[in-house]
Structure formats: C-alpha cells, structure tokens
C-alpha cells in the first residue's frame, strides 16, 4: 500500500505539476504583496488552518466525498471517456437514497445499506443513458453526460417541492432522516471508544477530533478505493480500459469490445457517484435539500481532482486532500486576514491551468514528433 501511495503521489507530481505548483505559489505571492499582505504569513495561516485541530477535521470531511466522486469518474476517464455527468448521478443517487431511508422499514443498519444500494441502482440507470446514446445515435458521451446533469437536478428539485417536502419546515427539503438511520461518527465523543481515545490522546488531540468528527463514510470511500484498485489492476476490464485510454485503435485491433467496456465503466462510476450522494445526506445533511448537493461544489472539484491525479486512484487521493486543504485553508485565511477565500479558488484554477498547459504541450509534441 505504501508503494502504491508513493506512486499516486508521483502521479500528482509528474508532468510538470511541481513546476505548476511553484509558479502558482509565486503568482499568488505577488498578488498578496500587491495588496499589502505578507505571503509567508498568509501561507502559514492556510497550512495551519487546514492541517491542525478542527481545520484538519474539516479538511478530511470535505476530502471524503470529493475523493469518492473523483474515484467514480476515474473509471470512465481511465478508459478515455470524459464522463461529465457525475453531478447528476450524485444528486439523483442522494435523492433516491434519502427516499429509501425515509420510507423503508427495518433496523437502522439494514436501511442504511439498502439506501446505498437503491442510490447505486438509480444512479447506474442514469449513467447508462450516455453510452446508449453514443452507441445508437453517435452522440458524444462528454456532451450527453454533461447535459443530463440539468434534468437530474430539475427532477430532484421538482420532487422535493411537490411530494417530498417536509410540511413542518420552511426549507425546501425532505423530512429529517431518523437518527437510527444516519451514518454516525467513527467514535462519538460520548461513546466508550470516543472516551477511550480522548483519555489516551487527550480530548483536543487530532485522533480524538478525527474519530468524533469523521463519519463511517470514510470507511465506505476506503472500500471504494480498494475496489477501484482491484478492478484497475486485477480484472481484465481494468487492463482493457487502460489500453483503450492510451490507444483506442490498438484496443479495437486487439479484440477489446469497446462499447461494452465503456458501458460497464460508466455504470460502475455512476453507481459510486450515487452512493457518495447518499453518504453526504446520511452523514451530514440528514435530509435531502433542494440544491444542497449540487451546491456543495463537490462534483466540480472532483473533476479537477481527477485531472490533477491523472485518473489514478492514489493520485486522486493525494489531489483530493490537496484541494480540500486549499478550501479549508482559504477559509482560515479569510477569518484571520479578511481576505476573500476565493483566493484559494484562484490557486486551484492556476494549478489546473498550468498543469493542463503542460499536458497539452506534451501531448502535442508526442503527436508532432
């Protein structure tokens, strides 16, 4: 595992990413100096705000769904298919899973698992539309998957505003999910394990804060990571996808069923995106709010993470943590200096722009040489 994580980190640092990051830091430093701020102090505040105490917990809380969604997109991206429909699958899955959690009978853990399965099935059905349109109507997946985000969000919004709305709340949202059907923290502060961790490390220590602040969604996303690695390195469809992503012509000549491969990767990615949507609802929102999932920005950040991580699972983990750290660090910077947290968004955009520029030039040189 350590070797794979090292390779994932190398994936993030490859293709000029170090140079891109250094240029980004320099450009942002010039902007800070021009506005009268010490860049070293601002950067130190961002690091401390995202890697220590409650900031570290917030960082991990944001990284878990972002990494989960990015892993969902990895399946299609590694096969050379640009699936831009993760947001719609994420929202539809979250809505379907919430409905299941609100209506199904049974013990809490059974309902939670069933809700995740329902979310996966609904999102899978939605993810099946773009490859079908490409096979039968020759419609590009990157276009149809992007366009399908809008009806998915509109459908969930209509459902919440009509027959799912909680009459006792002014919010455009469903009823709250019962406490027994929520995904709780790894070790609540008032639980036996929580008290044991606090007694061992201290109530304000990083282990205690992480155990009480992170939910079991972390374990689910870790399982998704393991599944992604297994499919990509141990199953034929994973190896075929790598060949297809590198050279579609070679894949066809070697007998790869391209249509079936694309369809299977889209379906798997859709299922994971749907599960992540329900994880967010059951672990933090506790109800499906109109605009609550698409308003998080997780789907857009996941796309950037996949690009920076070069569609590699461990690279996605490293890039997801990096982006979450920028977001949380930007919030700390805003509290400390009054600077807009949008500076962290500018830094993200600069990194992606410079990395994309480097990759584009490398790709062009490969084809012109």
Protein backbone atom coordinates (compact mmCIF):
# COMPACT_ATOMS: atom_id res chain seq x y z
CA UNK A 1 0.00 0.00 0.00
CA UNK A 2 2.85 2.39 0.83
CA UNK A 3 4.38 1.79 -2.59
CA UNK A 4 1.07 2.46 -4.31
CA UNK A 5 0.56 5.65 -2.32
CA UNK A 6 4.06 6.73 -3.34
CA UNK A 7 3.18 6.05 -6.98
CA UNK A 8 -0.02 8.05 -6.52
CA UNK A 9 1.92 10.96 -5.10
CA UNK A 10 4.33 10.67 -8.02
CA UNK A 11 1.35 10.81 -10.39
CA UNK A 12 0.31 14.14 -8.89
CA UNK A 13 3.86 15.45 -9.08
CA UNK A 14 4.51 14.24 -12.62
CA UNK A 15 4.17 16.09 -15.93
CA UNK A 16 5.33 19.43 -14.58
CA UNK A 17 2.94 19.58 -11.61
CA UNK A 18 5.75 20.65 -9.27
CA UNK A 19 6.63 23.50 -11.61
CA UNK A 20 2.95 24.43 -11.91
CA UNK A 21 2.54 24.49 -8.13
CA UNK A 22 5.68 26.59 -7.69
CA UNK A 23 4.53 29.09 -10.32
CA UNK A 24 1.12 29.25 -8.68
CA UNK A 25 2.62 29.98 -5.27
CA UNK A 26 4.78 32.70 -6.82
CA UNK A 27 1.88 34.31 -8.70
CA UNK A 28 -0.35 34.26 -5.61
CA UNK A 29 2.52 35.73 -3.56
CA UNK A 30 2.79 38.64 -6.00
CA UNK A 31 -0.96 39.24 -5.67
CA UNK A 32 -0.69 39.22 -1.87
CA UNK A 33 2.29 41.60 -1.89
CA UNK A 34 0.42 43.94 -4.22
CA UNK A 35 -2.44 44.13 -1.72
CA UNK A 36 -0.16 44.68 1.29
CA UNK A 37 -0.02 41.20 2.84
CA UNK A 38 2.96 39.07 3.77
CA UNK A 39 2.72 35.92 1.61
CA UNK A 40 4.68 33.81 4.11
CA UNK A 41 2.31 34.67 6.94
CA UNK A 42 -0.76 34.06 4.78
CA UNK A 43 0.54 30.69 3.56
CA UNK A 44 1.44 29.70 7.13
CA UNK A 45 -2.10 30.54 8.22
CA UNK A 46 -3.56 28.46 5.38
CA UNK A 47 -1.38 25.48 6.29
CA UNK A 48 -2.15 25.68 9.99
CA UNK A 49 -5.85 26.20 9.30
CA UNK A 50 -6.12 23.09 7.14
CA UNK A 51 -3.69 20.68 8.80
CA UNK A 52 -4.18 21.21 12.53
CA UNK A 53 -7.03 20.88 15.01
CA UNK A 54 -10.57 21.42 13.79
CA UNK A 55 -9.22 22.55 10.41
CA UNK A 56 -7.77 19.10 9.80
CA UNK A 57 -11.16 17.54 10.58
CA UNK A 58 -12.90 19.95 8.19
CA UNK A 59 -10.28 19.15 5.57
CA UNK A 60 -10.93 15.41 5.86
CA UNK A 61 -14.71 15.91 5.96
CA UNK A 62 -14.57 17.69 2.61
CA UNK A 63 -11.97 15.35 1.14
CA UNK A 64 -14.02 12.17 1.69
CA UNK A 65 -16.93 12.97 -0.70
CA UNK A 66 -14.64 14.71 -3.19
CA UNK A 67 -12.34 11.68 -3.37
CA UNK A 68 -15.36 9.37 -3.59
CA UNK A 69 -16.76 11.28 -6.55
CA UNK A 70 -13.35 11.51 -8.18
CA UNK A 71 -12.96 7.74 -7.91
CA UNK A 72 -16.32 7.40 -9.63
CA UNK A 73 -15.07 9.50 -12.53
CA UNK A 74 -11.77 7.58 -12.66
CA UNK A 75 -13.48 4.58 -14.21
CA UNK A 76 -14.56 6.37 -17.35
CA UNK A 77 -11.61 8.78 -17.55
CA UNK A 78 -9.06 5.95 -17.48
CA UNK A 79 -10.90 4.40 -20.41
CA UNK A 80 -10.55 7.67 -22.32
CA UNK A 81 -14.24 8.58 -21.83
CA UNK A 82 -14.97 12.04 -20.44
CA UNK A 83 -17.91 11.47 -18.15
CA UNK A 84 -19.10 14.93 -17.12
CA UNK A 85 -22.35 13.64 -15.62
CA UNK A 86 -21.07 12.92 -12.12
CA UNK A 87 -23.08 15.78 -10.64
CA UNK A 88 -26.41 14.48 -11.92
CA UNK A 89 -25.65 10.93 -10.78
CA UNK A 90 -24.50 12.27 -7.40
CA UNK A 91 -27.71 14.28 -6.87
CA UNK A 92 -30.10 11.59 -8.15
CA UNK A 93 -28.42 8.95 -6.02
CA UNK A 94 -28.61 11.19 -2.96
CA UNK A 95 -32.32 11.82 -3.53
CA UNK A 96 -33.14 8.14 -4.12
CA UNK A 97 -31.13 7.05 -1.09
CA UNK A 98 -32.88 9.62 1.08
CA UNK A 99 -36.32 8.43 -0.03
CA UNK A 100 -35.31 4.86 0.82
CA UNK A 101 -34.01 5.91 4.25
CA UNK A 102 -37.27 7.77 4.97
CA UNK A 103 -39.70 5.08 3.83
CA UNK A 104 -38.20 1.60 4.15
CA UNK A 105 -38.94 -0.47 7.26
CA UNK A 106 -36.35 -2.39 9.22
CA UNK A 107 -33.37 -1.91 11.53
CA UNK A 108 -31.21 1.16 11.02
CA UNK A 109 -28.12 -0.56 9.65
CA UNK A 110 -30.22 -2.59 7.20
CA UNK A 111 -32.00 0.53 5.97
CA UNK A 112 -28.69 2.38 5.55
CA UNK A 113 -27.21 -0.42 3.45
CA UNK A 114 -30.43 -0.72 1.42
CA UNK A 115 -30.45 3.04 0.85
CA UNK A 116 -26.91 2.89 -0.53
CA UNK A 117 -27.93 0.04 -2.85
CA UNK A 118 -31.00 1.97 -4.05
CA UNK A 119 -28.85 5.05 -4.68
CA UNK A 120 -26.38 2.96 -6.68
CA UNK A 121 -29.13 1.40 -8.82
CA UNK A 122 -30.82 4.72 -9.63
CA UNK A 123 -27.54 6.46 -10.46
CA UNK A 124 -26.46 3.47 -12.54
CA UNK A 125 -29.65 3.68 -14.59
CA UNK A 126 -29.00 7.37 -15.22
CA UNK A 127 -25.36 6.73 -16.12
CA UNK A 128 -26.46 4.13 -18.69
CA UNK A 129 -28.12 6.78 -20.88
CA UNK A 130 -24.99 8.46 -22.38
CA UNK A 131 -23.33 5.24 -23.63
CA UNK A 132 -26.63 4.09 -25.14
CA UNK A 133 -26.99 7.40 -26.94
CA UNK A 134 -23.45 7.10 -28.23
CA UNK A 135 -23.95 3.54 -29.44
CA UNK A 136 -27.27 4.16 -31.21
CA UNK A 137 -27.23 7.86 -32.11
CA UNK A 138 -23.49 8.55 -32.21
CA UNK A 139 -23.92 11.28 -29.57
CA UNK A 140 -20.63 12.02 -27.72
CA UNK A 141 -20.68 10.94 -24.09
CA UNK A 142 -18.99 14.08 -22.81
CA UNK A 143 -21.84 16.16 -24.26
CA UNK A 144 -24.80 13.98 -23.28
CA UNK A 145 -23.45 13.25 -19.78
CA UNK A 146 -22.99 16.99 -19.15
CA UNK A 147 -26.45 17.87 -20.44
CA UNK A 148 -28.09 15.14 -18.36
CA UNK A 149 -26.97 16.90 -15.18
CA UNK A 150 -29.66 19.52 -15.66
CA UNK A 151 -32.73 17.26 -15.89
CA UNK A 152 -31.37 15.20 -12.98
CA UNK A 153 -31.15 18.27 -10.77
CA UNK A 154 -34.51 19.54 -12.03
CA UNK A 155 -36.21 16.19 -11.31
CA UNK A 156 -34.97 16.10 -7.73
CA UNK A 157 -35.92 19.75 -7.23
CA UNK A 158 -39.44 19.08 -8.52
CA UNK A 159 -39.79 16.04 -6.27
CA UNK A 160 -38.74 18.00 -3.19
CA UNK A 161 -41.05 20.92 -3.95
CA UNK A 162 -44.09 18.72 -4.54
CA UNK A 163 -44.48 15.42 -2.74
CA UNK A 164 -41.25 15.09 -0.70
CA UNK A 165 -41.27 18.46 1.12
CA UNK A 166 -41.42 18.45 4.90
CA UNK A 167 -44.60 20.41 5.78
CA UNK A 168 -43.17 21.29 9.18
CA UNK A 169 -40.15 23.10 7.73
CA UNK A 170 -39.73 26.30 5.74
CA UNK A 171 -36.82 24.71 3.91
CA UNK A 172 -37.32 23.16 0.50
CA UNK A 173 -36.27 19.81 1.88
CA UNK A 174 -37.48 16.39 2.87
CA UNK A 175 -38.18 15.27 6.41
CA UNK A 176 -35.13 14.58 8.55
CA UNK A 177 -33.86 11.04 8.48
CA UNK A 178 -34.35 9.23 11.79
CA UNK A 179 -31.25 9.19 13.98
CA UNK A 180 -31.01 5.41 13.86
CA UNK A 181 -30.74 5.61 10.06
CA UNK A 182 -27.93 8.13 9.94
CA UNK A 183 -24.28 7.36 9.33
CA UNK A 184 -22.68 8.26 12.63
CA UNK A 185 -19.13 9.26 13.58
CA UNK A 186 -16.34 6.73 13.82
CA UNK A 187 -16.31 7.15 17.59
CA UNK A 188 -18.70 9.70 19.13
CA UNK A 189 -17.18 11.76 21.94
CA UNK A 190 -19.70 10.40 24.47
CA UNK A 191 -19.28 6.77 23.41
CA UNK A 192 -16.98 4.20 25.00
CA UNK A 193 -14.45 4.20 22.15
CA UNK A 194 -14.62 8.00 21.98
CA UNK A 195 -13.87 8.38 25.68
CA UNK A 196 -11.06 5.83 25.40
CA UNK A 197 -9.41 7.75 22.55
CA UNK A 198 -9.84 11.05 24.41
CA UNK A 199 -8.35 9.52 27.55
CA UNK A 200 -5.39 8.12 25.64
CA UNK A 201 -4.53 11.10 23.45
CA UNK A 202 -6.48 13.98 25.02
CA UNK A 203 -9.93 15.40 24.15
CA UNK A 204 -8.47 18.07 21.83
CA UNK A 205 -5.95 15.81 20.15
CA UNK A 206 -6.05 15.06 16.43
CA UNK A 207 -7.08 11.38 16.90
CA UNK A 208 -9.97 12.36 19.19
CA UNK A 209 -11.17 15.14 16.88
CA UNK A 210 -10.92 12.91 13.79
CA UNK A 211 -12.71 9.98 15.47
CA UNK A 212 -15.61 12.18 16.59
CA UNK A 213 -15.68 14.42 13.51
CA UNK A 214 -15.44 11.88 10.70
CA UNK A 215 -18.27 9.50 9.89
CA UNK A 216 -18.24 5.90 8.72
CA UNK A 217 -18.47 7.33 5.21
CA UNK A 218 -14.67 7.31 5.37
CA UNK A 219 -14.73 3.50 5.57
CA UNK A 220 -17.13 3.27 2.62
CA UNK A 221 -14.93 5.51 0.46
CA UNK A 222 -11.88 3.49 1.52
CA UNK A 223 -13.71 0.37 0.33
CA UNK A 224 -14.45 2.15 -2.96
CA UNK A 225 -10.74 2.94 -3.29
CA UNK A 226 -9.84 -0.71 -2.70
CA UNK A 227 -12.44 -1.79 -5.26
CA UNK A 228 -11.12 0.72 -7.80
CA UNK A 229 -7.56 -0.53 -7.33
CA UNK A 230 -8.68 -4.15 -7.61
CA UNK A 231 -10.63 -3.57 -10.83
CA UNK A 232 -7.87 -1.48 -12.36
CA UNK A 233 -5.02 -3.89 -11.60
CA UNK A 234 -6.52 -7.36 -11.25
CA UNK A 235 -9.51 -7.64 -13.60
CA UNK A 236 -9.41 -7.81 -17.41
CA UNK A 237 -11.81 -4.88 -17.81
CA UNK A 238 -9.42 -2.67 -15.86
CA UNK A 239 -6.46 -3.59 -18.00
CA UNK A 240 -8.52 -3.24 -21.17
CA UNK A 241 -9.63 0.21 -20.04
CA UNK A 242 -6.01 1.32 -19.68
CA UNK A 243 -5.28 0.13 -23.22
CA UNK A 244 -8.40 1.89 -24.52
CA UNK A 245 -7.46 5.12 -22.77
CA UNK A 246 -3.92 5.05 -24.16
CA UNK A 247 -4.67 3.91 -27.70
CA UNK A 248 -8.28 3.29 -28.86
CA UNK A 249 -7.11 1.93 -32.24
CA UNK A 250 -4.87 -0.66 -30.58
CA UNK A 251 -7.69 -1.66 -28.23
CA UNK A 252 -10.03 -2.33 -31.15
CA UNK A 253 -7.38 -4.30 -33.06
CA UNK A 254 -6.65 -6.48 -30.04
CA UNK A 255 -10.28 -7.55 -29.80
CA UNK A 256 -11.48 -5.30 -26.97
CA UNK A 257 -15.26 -4.84 -27.01
CA UNK A 258 -15.09 -1.05 -26.77
CA UNK A 259 -18.83 -0.41 -26.46
CA UNK A 260 -19.24 -2.95 -23.67
CA UNK A 261 -16.15 -1.65 -21.87
CA UNK A 262 -17.31 1.96 -21.97
CA UNK A 263 -20.79 0.96 -20.85
CA UNK A 264 -19.52 -1.06 -17.90
CA UNK A 265 -17.18 1.71 -16.70
CA UNK A 266 -19.91 4.32 -16.98
CA UNK A 267 -22.28 2.14 -14.97
CA UNK A 268 -19.72 1.44 -12.23
CA UNK A 269 -18.83 5.12 -11.99
CA UNK A 270 -22.50 6.09 -11.83
CA UNK A 271 -23.14 3.61 -9.03
CA UNK A 272 -20.26 5.02 -6.97
CA UNK A 273 -21.43 8.62 -7.55
CA UNK A 274 -24.93 7.70 -6.36
CA UNK A 275 -23.56 6.04 -3.23
CA UNK A 276 -21.47 9.13 -2.43
CA UNK A 277 -24.58 11.32 -2.74
CA UNK A 278 -26.40 9.24 -0.14
CA UNK A 279 -23.32 9.20 2.10
CA UNK A 280 -23.35 13.01 2.20
CA UNK A 281 -27.06 13.11 3.07
CA UNK A 282 -26.99 10.40 5.74
CA UNK A 283 -23.76 11.58 7.37
CA UNK A 284 -24.09 15.37 7.36
CA UNK A 285 -27.30 16.88 5.90
CA UNK A 286 -29.71 14.26 7.34
CA UNK A 287 -32.30 15.34 4.78
CA UNK A 288 -32.32 15.96 1.05
CA UNK A 289 -32.28 19.73 0.50
CA UNK A 290 -33.15 21.25 -2.86
CA UNK A 291 -29.79 22.44 -4.19
CA UNK A 292 -28.00 21.02 -1.18
CA UNK A 293 -25.84 18.51 -3.04
CA UNK A 294 -25.16 20.35 -6.28
CA UNK A 295 -24.47 23.47 -4.22
CA UNK A 296 -21.56 21.82 -2.42
CA UNK A 297 -19.31 22.07 -5.47
CA UNK A 298 -18.06 18.54 -4.84
CA UNK A 299 -18.72 17.43 -8.41
CA UNK A 300 -16.72 20.26 -10.00
CA UNK A 301 -13.87 19.80 -7.52
CA UNK A 302 -13.87 16.06 -8.26
CA UNK A 303 -13.32 16.78 -11.96
CA UNK A 304 -10.31 18.93 -11.11
CA UNK A 305 -9.02 16.24 -8.75
CA UNK A 306 -9.22 13.59 -11.47
CA UNK A 307 -7.26 15.84 -13.81
CA UNK A 308 -4.58 16.63 -11.25
CA UNK A 309 -4.43 12.99 -10.11
CA UNK A 310 -4.19 11.85 -13.75
CA UNK A 311 -7.11 9.45 -13.27
CA UNK A 312 -5.07 7.22 -10.96
CA UNK A 313 -6.74 6.13 -7.69
CA UNK A 314 -3.87 7.00 -5.37
CA UNK A 315 -3.20 10.18 -7.32
CA UNK A 316 -6.85 11.11 -6.80
CA UNK A 317 -6.50 10.58 -3.04
CA UNK A 318 -3.48 12.90 -2.85
CA UNK A 319 -5.05 15.53 -5.12
CA UNK A 320 -8.38 15.37 -3.26
CA UNK A 321 -6.69 16.05 0.06
CA UNK A 322 -4.69 18.87 -1.54
CA UNK A 323 -7.79 20.60 -2.93
CA UNK A 324 -9.70 20.22 0.32
CA UNK A 325 -6.74 21.70 2.18
CA UNK A 326 -6.80 24.71 -0.14
CA UNK A 327 -10.50 25.25 0.50
CA UNK A 328 -10.26 24.94 4.29
CA UNK A 329 -7.03 26.94 4.37
CA UNK A 330 -8.73 29.68 2.35
CA UNK A 331 -11.47 29.88 4.97
CA UNK A 332 -8.86 30.21 7.73
CA UNK A 333 -7.14 32.96 5.74
CA UNK A 334 -10.44 34.80 5.39
CA UNK A 335 -11.07 34.65 9.15
CA UNK A 336 -7.55 35.76 10.03
CA UNK A 337 -6.88 38.49 7.46
CA UNK A 338 -10.27 39.36 5.99
CA UNK A 339 -9.05 38.23 2.58
CA UNK A 340 -11.61 36.56 0.36
CA UNK A 341 -11.44 32.77 0.49
CA UNK A 342 -11.79 32.92 -3.28
CA UNK A 343 -8.01 33.27 -3.34
CA UNK A 344 -7.85 29.52 -2.72
CA UNK A 345 -10.09 29.03 -5.77
CA UNK A 346 -7.70 31.17 -7.81
CA UNK A 347 -4.82 28.97 -6.64
CA UNK A 348 -6.73 25.84 -7.64
CA UNK A 349 -7.51 27.31 -11.05
CA UNK A 350 -3.90 28.34 -11.64
CA UNK A 351 -2.59 24.88 -10.75
CA UNK A 352 -5.06 23.18 -13.08
CA UNK A 353 -4.43 25.68 -15.88
CA UNK A 354 -0.66 25.30 -15.72
CA UNK A 355 -0.81 21.51 -15.42
CA UNK A 356 -3.25 21.31 -18.33
CA UNK A 357 -1.00 23.56 -20.40
CA UNK A 358 1.96 21.28 -19.67
CA UNK A 359 -0.03 18.15 -20.53
CA UNK A 360 -1.36 19.71 -23.74
CA UNK A 361 2.11 20.68 -24.88
CA UNK A 362 3.45 17.21 -24.05
CA UNK A 363 0.60 15.57 -25.96
CA UNK A 364 1.10 17.85 -28.97
CA UNK A 365 4.81 17.13 -29.03
CA UNK A 366 4.12 13.40 -28.90
CA UNK A 367 1.93 13.59 -31.99
CA UNK A 368 4.09 16.02 -33.98
CA UNK A 369 7.41 14.30 -33.33
